[in-house]
Amino acid sequence: MLPKGFSFQTFNDGPALLLDGRVVADIVPLGDGRYRACMNPLSFSIRYAYFGSLEEAMDYVADWAVQWEDRLRDGVHVPSAL
């Protein structure tokens, strides 16, 4: 479950995770049932992770957001490794 203020919304070709209206991660389809998640898409500390399903990608991004919630709320771009 996502913390208060976080939500997935449609963004370009796939879902994005927003925090109070600010994109903190996005997920794009790559074809053949594969997806790429991009954490911190608006910063220089971008990290990509690849998945075999949209559900896996969304679960990973949600777990990442929970782990780094405080720093994301402060507007600090955070490491992406779980």
N, C-alpha and C. Protein backbone atom coordinates (compact mmCIF):
# COMPACT_ATOMS: atom_id res chain seq x y z
N MET A 1 0.85 -1.18 0.00
CA MET A 1 0.00 0.00 0.00
C MET A 1 0.89 1.25 0.00
N LEU A 2 0.51 2.21 -0.80
CA LEU A 2 1.30 3.44 -0.90
C LEU A 2 0.99 4.39 0.25
N PRO A 3 1.99 5.10 0.72
CA PRO A 3 1.75 6.10 1.76
C PRO A 3 0.87 7.25 1.23
N LYS A 4 0.30 7.99 2.15
CA LYS A 4 -0.54 9.13 1.81
C LYS A 4 0.21 10.11 0.90
N GLY A 5 -0.48 10.59 -0.12
CA GLY A 5 0.10 11.55 -1.05
C GLY A 5 0.71 10.92 -2.29
N PHE A 6 0.96 9.60 -2.27
CA PHE A 6 1.50 8.88 -3.42
C PHE A 6 0.35 8.28 -4.22
N SER A 7 0.46 8.30 -5.53
CA SER A 7 -0.55 7.66 -6.38
C SER A 7 0.05 7.33 -7.73
N PHE A 8 -0.44 6.25 -8.31
CA PHE A 8 -0.10 5.92 -9.69
C PHE A 8 -1.12 6.57 -10.59
N GLN A 9 -0.65 7.21 -11.66
CA GLN A 9 -1.52 7.83 -12.65
C GLN A 9 -0.93 7.57 -14.03
N THR A 10 -1.79 7.58 -15.02
CA THR A 10 -1.32 7.39 -16.39
C THR A 10 -0.44 8.56 -16.80
N PHE A 11 0.69 8.24 -17.42
CA PHE A 11 1.67 9.25 -17.82
C PHE A 11 2.32 8.76 -19.10
N ASN A 12 2.14 9.46 -20.19
CA ASN A 12 2.66 9.06 -21.49
C ASN A 12 2.21 7.64 -21.83
N ASP A 13 3.13 6.69 -21.93
CA ASP A 13 2.81 5.32 -22.36
C ASP A 13 2.49 4.37 -21.21
N GLY A 14 2.63 4.79 -19.98
CA GLY A 14 2.41 3.89 -18.85
C GLY A 14 2.17 4.65 -17.58
N PRO A 15 2.15 3.94 -16.45
CA PRO A 15 1.89 4.61 -15.18
C PRO A 15 3.11 5.35 -14.66
N ALA A 16 2.83 6.37 -13.88
CA ALA A 16 3.88 7.10 -13.16
C ALA A 16 3.47 7.16 -11.71
N LEU A 17 4.46 7.17 -10.83
CA LEU A 17 4.19 7.35 -9.41
C LEU A 17 4.38 8.83 -9.10
N LEU A 18 3.34 9.43 -8.58
CA LEU A 18 3.38 10.84 -8.21
C LEU A 18 3.33 10.98 -6.70
N LEU A 19 4.00 11.98 -6.20
CA LEU A 19 3.91 12.38 -4.80
C LEU A 19 3.42 13.81 -4.79
N ASP A 20 2.22 13.99 -4.31
CA ASP A 20 1.61 15.32 -4.27
C ASP A 20 1.72 16.03 -5.62
N GLY A 21 1.47 15.28 -6.70
CA GLY A 21 1.47 15.84 -8.05
C GLY A 21 2.82 15.89 -8.74
N ARG A 22 3.89 15.49 -8.06
CA ARG A 22 5.24 15.51 -8.63
C ARG A 22 5.64 14.09 -9.01
N VAL A 23 6.09 13.90 -10.24
CA VAL A 23 6.52 12.58 -10.70
C VAL A 23 7.82 12.20 -10.01
N VAL A 24 7.80 11.02 -9.34
CA VAL A 24 9.03 10.52 -8.70
C VAL A 24 9.52 9.24 -9.37
N ALA A 25 8.65 8.61 -10.17
CA ALA A 25 9.04 7.40 -10.92
C ALA A 25 8.05 7.21 -12.05
N ASP A 26 8.52 6.58 -13.13
CA ASP A 26 7.59 6.23 -14.19
C ASP A 26 7.94 4.86 -14.76
N ILE A 27 6.96 4.26 -15.41
CA ILE A 27 7.11 2.92 -15.96
C ILE A 27 6.68 2.96 -17.42
N VAL A 28 7.52 2.43 -18.30
CA VAL A 28 7.18 2.42 -19.72
C VAL A 28 7.24 1.00 -20.27
N PRO A 29 6.29 0.69 -21.16
CA PRO A 29 6.33 -0.62 -21.81
C PRO A 29 7.44 -0.66 -22.85
N LEU A 30 8.14 -1.79 -22.92
CA LEU A 30 9.23 -1.95 -23.88
C LEU A 30 8.84 -2.88 -25.02
N GLY A 31 7.67 -3.50 -24.93
CA GLY A 31 7.26 -4.50 -25.89
C GLY A 31 7.57 -5.89 -25.37
N ASP A 32 6.96 -6.88 -25.98
CA ASP A 32 7.16 -8.28 -25.57
C ASP A 32 6.88 -8.50 -24.09
N GLY A 33 5.95 -7.72 -23.50
CA GLY A 33 5.58 -7.89 -22.11
C GLY A 33 6.60 -7.42 -21.10
N ARG A 34 7.59 -6.65 -21.53
CA ARG A 34 8.64 -6.15 -20.63
C ARG A 34 8.39 -4.67 -20.34
N TYR A 35 8.87 -4.25 -19.17
CA TYR A 35 8.67 -2.87 -18.72
C TYR A 35 9.95 -2.35 -18.10
N ARG A 36 10.13 -1.03 -18.22
CA ARG A 36 11.27 -0.36 -17.58
C ARG A 36 10.73 0.65 -16.59
N ALA A 37 11.22 0.57 -15.36
CA ALA A 37 10.87 1.56 -14.35
C ALA A 37 12.03 2.55 -14.23
N CYS A 38 11.70 3.79 -14.14
CA CYS A 38 12.69 4.85 -13.99
C CYS A 38 12.40 5.59 -12.69
N MET A 39 13.30 5.49 -11.74
CA MET A 39 13.15 6.20 -10.48
C MET A 39 13.93 7.50 -10.56
N ASN A 40 13.35 8.56 -10.00
CA ASN A 40 13.94 9.91 -10.05
C ASN A 40 14.07 10.42 -11.49
N PRO A 41 13.02 10.35 -12.29
CA PRO A 41 13.15 10.72 -13.71
C PRO A 41 13.50 12.18 -13.95
N LEU A 42 13.31 13.04 -12.96
CA LEU A 42 13.57 14.47 -13.16
C LEU A 42 14.88 14.91 -12.49
N SER A 43 15.78 13.97 -12.22
CA SER A 43 17.03 14.33 -11.56
C SER A 43 18.22 13.73 -12.30
N PHE A 44 19.38 13.95 -11.74
CA PHE A 44 20.60 13.39 -12.32
C PHE A 44 20.93 12.02 -11.73
N SER A 45 20.20 11.59 -10.70
CA SER A 45 20.46 10.29 -10.09
C SER A 45 19.43 9.25 -10.55
N ILE A 46 19.21 9.20 -11.83
CA ILE A 46 18.23 8.29 -12.42
C ILE A 46 18.73 6.86 -12.32
N ARG A 47 17.79 5.96 -11.99
CA ARG A 47 18.09 4.53 -12.00
C ARG A 47 16.99 3.82 -12.75
N TYR A 48 17.38 2.86 -13.57
CA TYR A 48 16.43 2.06 -14.33
C TYR A 48 16.42 0.64 -13.79
N ALA A 49 15.24 0.02 -13.81
CA ALA A 49 15.11 -1.39 -13.47
C ALA A 49 14.14 -2.00 -14.48
N TYR A 50 14.37 -3.25 -14.83
CA TYR A 50 13.61 -3.92 -15.90
C TYR A 50 12.82 -5.09 -15.33
N PHE A 51 11.61 -5.29 -15.87
CA PHE A 51 10.68 -6.28 -15.33
C PHE A 51 9.94 -7.00 -16.44
N GLY A 52 9.46 -8.20 -16.09
CA GLY A 52 8.71 -9.03 -17.03
C GLY A 52 7.22 -8.79 -17.00
N SER A 53 6.75 -7.92 -16.11
CA SER A 53 5.32 -7.59 -16.09
C SER A 53 5.12 -6.21 -15.49
N LEU A 54 3.99 -5.62 -15.82
CA LEU A 54 3.65 -4.32 -15.27
C LEU A 54 3.46 -4.42 -13.75
N GLU A 55 2.86 -5.50 -13.30
CA GLU A 55 2.63 -5.67 -11.86
C GLU A 55 3.95 -5.70 -11.09
N GLU A 56 4.94 -6.44 -11.61
CA GLU A 56 6.26 -6.48 -10.96
C GLU A 56 6.87 -5.08 -10.88
N ALA A 57 6.78 -4.34 -11.97
CA ALA A 57 7.35 -3.00 -12.02
C ALA A 57 6.67 -2.08 -11.01
N MET A 58 5.35 -2.13 -10.96
CA MET A 58 4.61 -1.26 -10.04
C MET A 58 4.90 -1.65 -8.59
N ASP A 59 5.00 -2.93 -8.29
CA ASP A 59 5.33 -3.37 -6.93
C ASP A 59 6.72 -2.87 -6.52
N TYR A 60 7.69 -2.97 -7.43
CA TYR A 60 9.05 -2.52 -7.15
C TYR A 60 9.06 -1.02 -6.86
N VAL A 61 8.40 -0.25 -7.72
CA VAL A 61 8.37 1.20 -7.55
C VAL A 61 7.66 1.57 -6.24
N ALA A 62 6.58 0.89 -5.92
CA ALA A 62 5.88 1.16 -4.66
C ALA A 62 6.78 0.86 -3.46
N ASP A 63 7.49 -0.27 -3.49
CA ASP A 63 8.41 -0.61 -2.40
C ASP A 63 9.52 0.43 -2.27
N TRP A 64 10.04 0.87 -3.41
CA TRP A 64 11.09 1.90 -3.42
C TRP A 64 10.57 3.18 -2.78
N ALA A 65 9.34 3.57 -3.12
CA ALA A 65 8.76 4.81 -2.58
C ALA A 65 8.56 4.71 -1.07
N VAL A 66 8.12 3.56 -0.59
CA VAL A 66 7.95 3.38 0.85
C VAL A 66 9.29 3.50 1.56
N GLN A 67 10.32 2.88 0.99
CA GLN A 67 11.65 2.91 1.60
C GLN A 67 12.19 4.33 1.69
N TRP A 68 11.96 5.13 0.67
CA TRP A 68 12.55 6.47 0.59
C TRP A 68 11.53 7.58 0.79
N GLU A 69 10.41 7.26 1.41
CA GLU A 69 9.31 8.22 1.55
C GLU A 69 9.75 9.56 2.14
N ASP A 70 10.46 9.56 3.25
CA ASP A 70 10.83 10.82 3.90
C ASP A 70 11.67 11.70 2.99
N ARG A 71 12.64 11.11 2.33
CA ARG A 71 13.50 11.91 1.44
C ARG A 71 12.74 12.39 0.21
N LEU A 72 11.84 11.56 -0.30
CA LEU A 72 11.02 12.00 -1.44
C LEU A 72 10.12 13.16 -1.03
N ARG A 73 9.56 13.11 0.15
CA ARG A 73 8.72 14.22 0.63
C ARG A 73 9.52 15.51 0.77
N ASP A 74 10.79 15.38 1.14
CA ASP A 74 11.65 16.56 1.29
C ASP A 74 12.12 17.10 -0.05
N GLY A 75 11.79 16.37 -1.13
CA GLY A 75 12.21 16.82 -2.45
C GLY A 75 13.62 16.41 -2.79
N VAL A 76 14.21 15.54 -1.98
CA VAL A 76 15.57 15.06 -2.21
C VAL A 76 15.50 13.85 -3.12
N HIS A 77 16.29 13.84 -4.15
CA HIS A 77 16.34 12.67 -5.03
C HIS A 77 17.18 11.61 -4.34
N VAL A 78 16.70 10.40 -4.39
CA VAL A 78 17.26 9.35 -3.55
C VAL A 78 17.86 8.22 -4.38
N PRO A 79 18.72 7.43 -3.76
CA PRO A 79 19.21 6.22 -4.44
C PRO A 79 18.04 5.31 -4.75
N SER A 80 18.18 4.50 -5.76
CA SER A 80 17.07 3.66 -6.19
C SER A 80 17.21 2.21 -5.77
N ALA A 81 18.34 1.79 -5.33
CA ALA A 81 18.50 0.38 -4.95
C ALA A 81 17.70 0.09 -3.69
N LEU A 82 17.04 -1.06 -3.68
CA LEU A 82 16.29 -1.46 -2.49
C LEU A 82 17.17 -2.26 -1.56
